[in-house]
Amino acid sequence: MDLNKEYAYTVNESLVKIRLRDGHTTLLPEFANRINITEQSPIITLKNGRLLFGFTLAKLTVYNPKTGESELVFKDLIMSCNFILVF
C-alpha cells in the first residue's frame, strides 16, 4: 500500500496497482521479468514510499510509484550456476 493509502500493489504476471477507492487496476508489465508467479515474490513498502520486490537478488528492484522510476538494487550482480559474483 502507498503512504497515502490510496493504492495497493500485488503481483500476477506483472506488478498490479489497485486504486482502493474503486478497485481500478493498472498492470505494469515492464516488471514481468522481475516477478515469478510460481514462487514467492514479496512486495515491501519502504519508509519513503518506494516498493521493494523481486524473486532473486539479481532481480531485486526498487520502484518509486510517484515517479514511475525503478532500478535494480544490485546492478552489478551476475548469477552463474549456484555462485554469486559481485564485480
C-alpha atoms as a PDB file:
ATOM      1  CA  MET A   1       0.000   0.000   0.000  1.00  0.00           C
ATOM      2  CA  ASP A   2       1.262   3.509  -0.729  1.00  0.00           C
ATOM      3  CA  LEU A   3       1.833   6.059   2.039  1.00  0.00           C
ATOM      4  CA  ASN A   4      -1.459   7.862   1.329  1.00  0.00           C
ATOM      5  CA  LYS A   5      -3.365   4.546   1.452  1.00  0.00           C
ATOM      6  CA  GLU A   6      -4.856   5.220  -1.981  1.00  0.00           C
ATOM      7  CA  TYR A   7      -3.270   2.275  -3.802  1.00  0.00           C
ATOM      8  CA  ALA A   8      -2.339  -1.313  -3.020  1.00  0.00           C
ATOM      9  CA  TYR A   9       0.105  -3.393  -5.039  1.00  0.00           C
ATOM     10  CA  THR A  10       0.200  -7.085  -5.810  1.00  0.00           C
ATOM     11  CA  VAL A  11       1.706  -9.386  -8.433  1.00  0.00           C
ATOM     12  CA  ASN A  12       0.370 -11.762 -11.011  1.00  0.00           C
ATOM     13  CA  GLU A  13       2.188 -11.920 -14.340  1.00  0.00           C
ATOM     14  CA  SER A  14       3.243  -8.307 -13.739  1.00  0.00           C
ATOM     15  CA  LEU A  15       3.107  -5.730 -10.973  1.00  0.00           C
ATOM     16  CA  VAL A  16      -0.501  -4.643 -10.372  1.00  0.00           C
ATOM     17  CA  LYS A  17      -1.553  -1.258  -8.943  1.00  0.00           C
ATOM     18  CA  ILE A  18      -5.046  -1.249  -7.380  1.00  0.00           C
ATOM     19  CA  ARG A  19      -6.868   2.003  -6.620  1.00  0.00           C
ATOM     20  CA  LEU A  20      -8.618   1.256  -3.329  1.00  0.00           C
ATOM     21  CA  ARG A  21     -11.412   3.798  -3.822  1.00  0.00           C
ATOM     22  CA  ASP A  22     -12.983   1.919  -6.735  1.00  0.00           C
ATOM     23  CA  GLY A  23     -10.893  -1.190  -7.421  1.00  0.00           C
ATOM     24  CA  HIS A  24      -9.497   0.107 -10.724  1.00  0.00           C
ATOM     25  CA  THR A  25      -6.391  -1.890 -11.637  1.00  0.00           C
ATOM     26  CA  THR A  26      -3.365  -0.885 -13.668  1.00  0.00           C
ATOM     27  CA  LEU A  27      -0.918  -3.509 -14.919  1.00  0.00           C
ATOM     28  CA  LEU A  28       2.766  -2.611 -15.006  1.00  0.00           C
ATOM     29  CA  PRO A  29       4.110  -5.232 -17.452  1.00  0.00           C
ATOM     30  CA  GLU A  30       7.613  -3.740 -17.534  1.00  0.00           C
ATOM     31  CA  PHE A  31       8.297  -5.672 -14.314  1.00  0.00           C
ATOM     32  CA  ALA A  32       7.139  -9.077 -15.579  1.00  0.00           C
ATOM     33  CA  ASN A  33      10.720 -10.344 -15.902  1.00  0.00           C
ATOM     34  CA  ARG A  34      11.419  -9.448 -12.256  1.00  0.00           C
ATOM     35  CA  ILE A  35       8.425 -11.319 -10.801  1.00  0.00           C
ATOM     36  CA  ASN A  36       7.864 -15.065 -10.517  1.00  0.00           C
ATOM     37  CA  ILE A  37       4.211 -16.036 -10.106  1.00  0.00           C
ATOM     38  CA  THR A  38       5.035 -19.643  -9.184  1.00  0.00           C
ATOM     39  CA  GLU A  39       7.412 -18.691  -6.366  1.00  0.00           C
ATOM     40  CA  GLN A  40       7.316 -16.098  -3.620  1.00  0.00           C
ATOM     41  CA  SER A  41       7.583 -12.539  -4.888  1.00  0.00           C
ATOM     42  CA  PRO A  42       7.151 -10.353  -1.803  1.00  0.00           C
ATOM     43  CA  ILE A  43       6.483  -6.637  -2.088  1.00  0.00           C
ATOM     44  CA  ILE A  44       7.726  -4.440   0.735  1.00  0.00           C
ATOM     45  CA  THR A  45       6.768  -0.792   1.147  1.00  0.00           C
ATOM     46  CA  LEU A  46       9.785   1.155   2.374  1.00  0.00           C
ATOM     47  CA  LYS A  47       9.505   4.109   4.763  1.00  0.00           C
ATOM     48  CA  ASN A  48       9.977   6.549   1.877  1.00  0.00           C
ATOM     49  CA  GLY A  49       7.034   5.037  -0.024  1.00  0.00           C
ATOM     50  CA  ARG A  50       9.078   3.167  -2.616  1.00  0.00           C
ATOM     51  CA  LEU A  51       8.391  -0.522  -3.230  1.00  0.00           C
ATOM     52  CA  LEU A  52      10.981  -3.279  -2.977  1.00  0.00           C
ATOM     53  CA  PHE A  53      10.280  -6.528  -4.841  1.00  0.00           C
ATOM     54  CA  GLY A  54      11.891  -9.317  -6.843  1.00  0.00           C
ATOM     55  CA  PHE A  55      12.314 -13.054  -6.549  1.00  0.00           C
ATOM     56  CA  THR A  56      16.130 -13.254  -6.718  1.00  0.00           C
ATOM     57  CA  LEU A  57      18.954 -10.925  -5.734  1.00  0.00           C
ATOM     58  CA  ALA A  58      19.670 -10.279  -9.401  1.00  0.00           C
ATOM     59  CA  LYS A  59      16.035  -9.160  -9.938  1.00  0.00           C
ATOM     60  CA  LEU A  60      15.572  -7.210  -6.681  1.00  0.00           C
ATOM     61  CA  THR A  61      14.002  -3.899  -7.697  1.00  0.00           C
ATOM     62  CA  VAL A  62      13.176  -0.588  -6.042  1.00  0.00           C
ATOM     63  CA  TYR A  63      10.189   1.151  -7.651  1.00  0.00           C
ATOM     64  CA  ASN A  64       9.003   4.693  -6.937  1.00  0.00           C
ATOM     65  CA  PRO A  65       5.209   4.788  -7.505  1.00  0.00           C
ATOM     66  CA  LYS A  66       5.166   8.603  -7.518  1.00  0.00           C
ATOM     67  CA  THR A  67       7.645   8.985 -10.377  1.00  0.00           C
ATOM     68  CA  GLY A  68       7.353   5.594 -12.075  1.00  0.00           C
ATOM     69  CA  GLU A  69      11.132   5.196 -11.908  1.00  0.00           C
ATOM     70  CA  SER A  70      12.740   1.920 -10.939  1.00  0.00           C
ATOM     71  CA  GLU A  71      16.201   0.476 -10.547  1.00  0.00           C
ATOM     72  CA  LEU A  72      17.818  -2.817  -9.748  1.00  0.00           C
ATOM     73  CA  VAL A  73      19.260  -2.906  -6.234  1.00  0.00           C
ATOM     74  CA  PHE A  74      22.326  -4.910  -7.259  1.00  0.00           C
ATOM     75  CA  LYS A  75      23.179  -3.581 -10.708  1.00  0.00           C
ATOM     76  CA  ASP A  76      26.495  -5.421 -10.961  1.00  0.00           C
ATOM     77  CA  LEU A  77      25.328  -8.794  -9.702  1.00  0.00           C
ATOM     78  CA  ILE A  78      25.851 -11.730 -12.039  1.00  0.00           C
ATOM     79  CA  MET A  79      24.306 -15.083 -11.219  1.00  0.00           C
ATOM     80  CA  SER A  80      26.177 -18.079 -12.569  1.00  0.00           C
ATOM     81  CA  CYS A  81      25.188 -21.609 -11.608  1.00  0.00           C
ATOM     82  CA  ASN A  82      24.944 -21.546  -7.802  1.00  0.00           C
ATOM     83  CA  PHE A  83      27.598 -18.884  -7.344  1.00  0.00           C
ATOM     84  CA  ILE A  84      27.101 -15.182  -6.871  1.00  0.00           C
ATOM     85  CA  LEU A  85      29.803 -12.939  -8.262  1.00  0.00           C
ATOM     86  CA  VAL A  86      29.953  -9.236  -7.497  1.00  0.00           C
ATOM     87  CA  PHE A  87      32.185  -7.041  -9.613  1.00  0.00           C
END
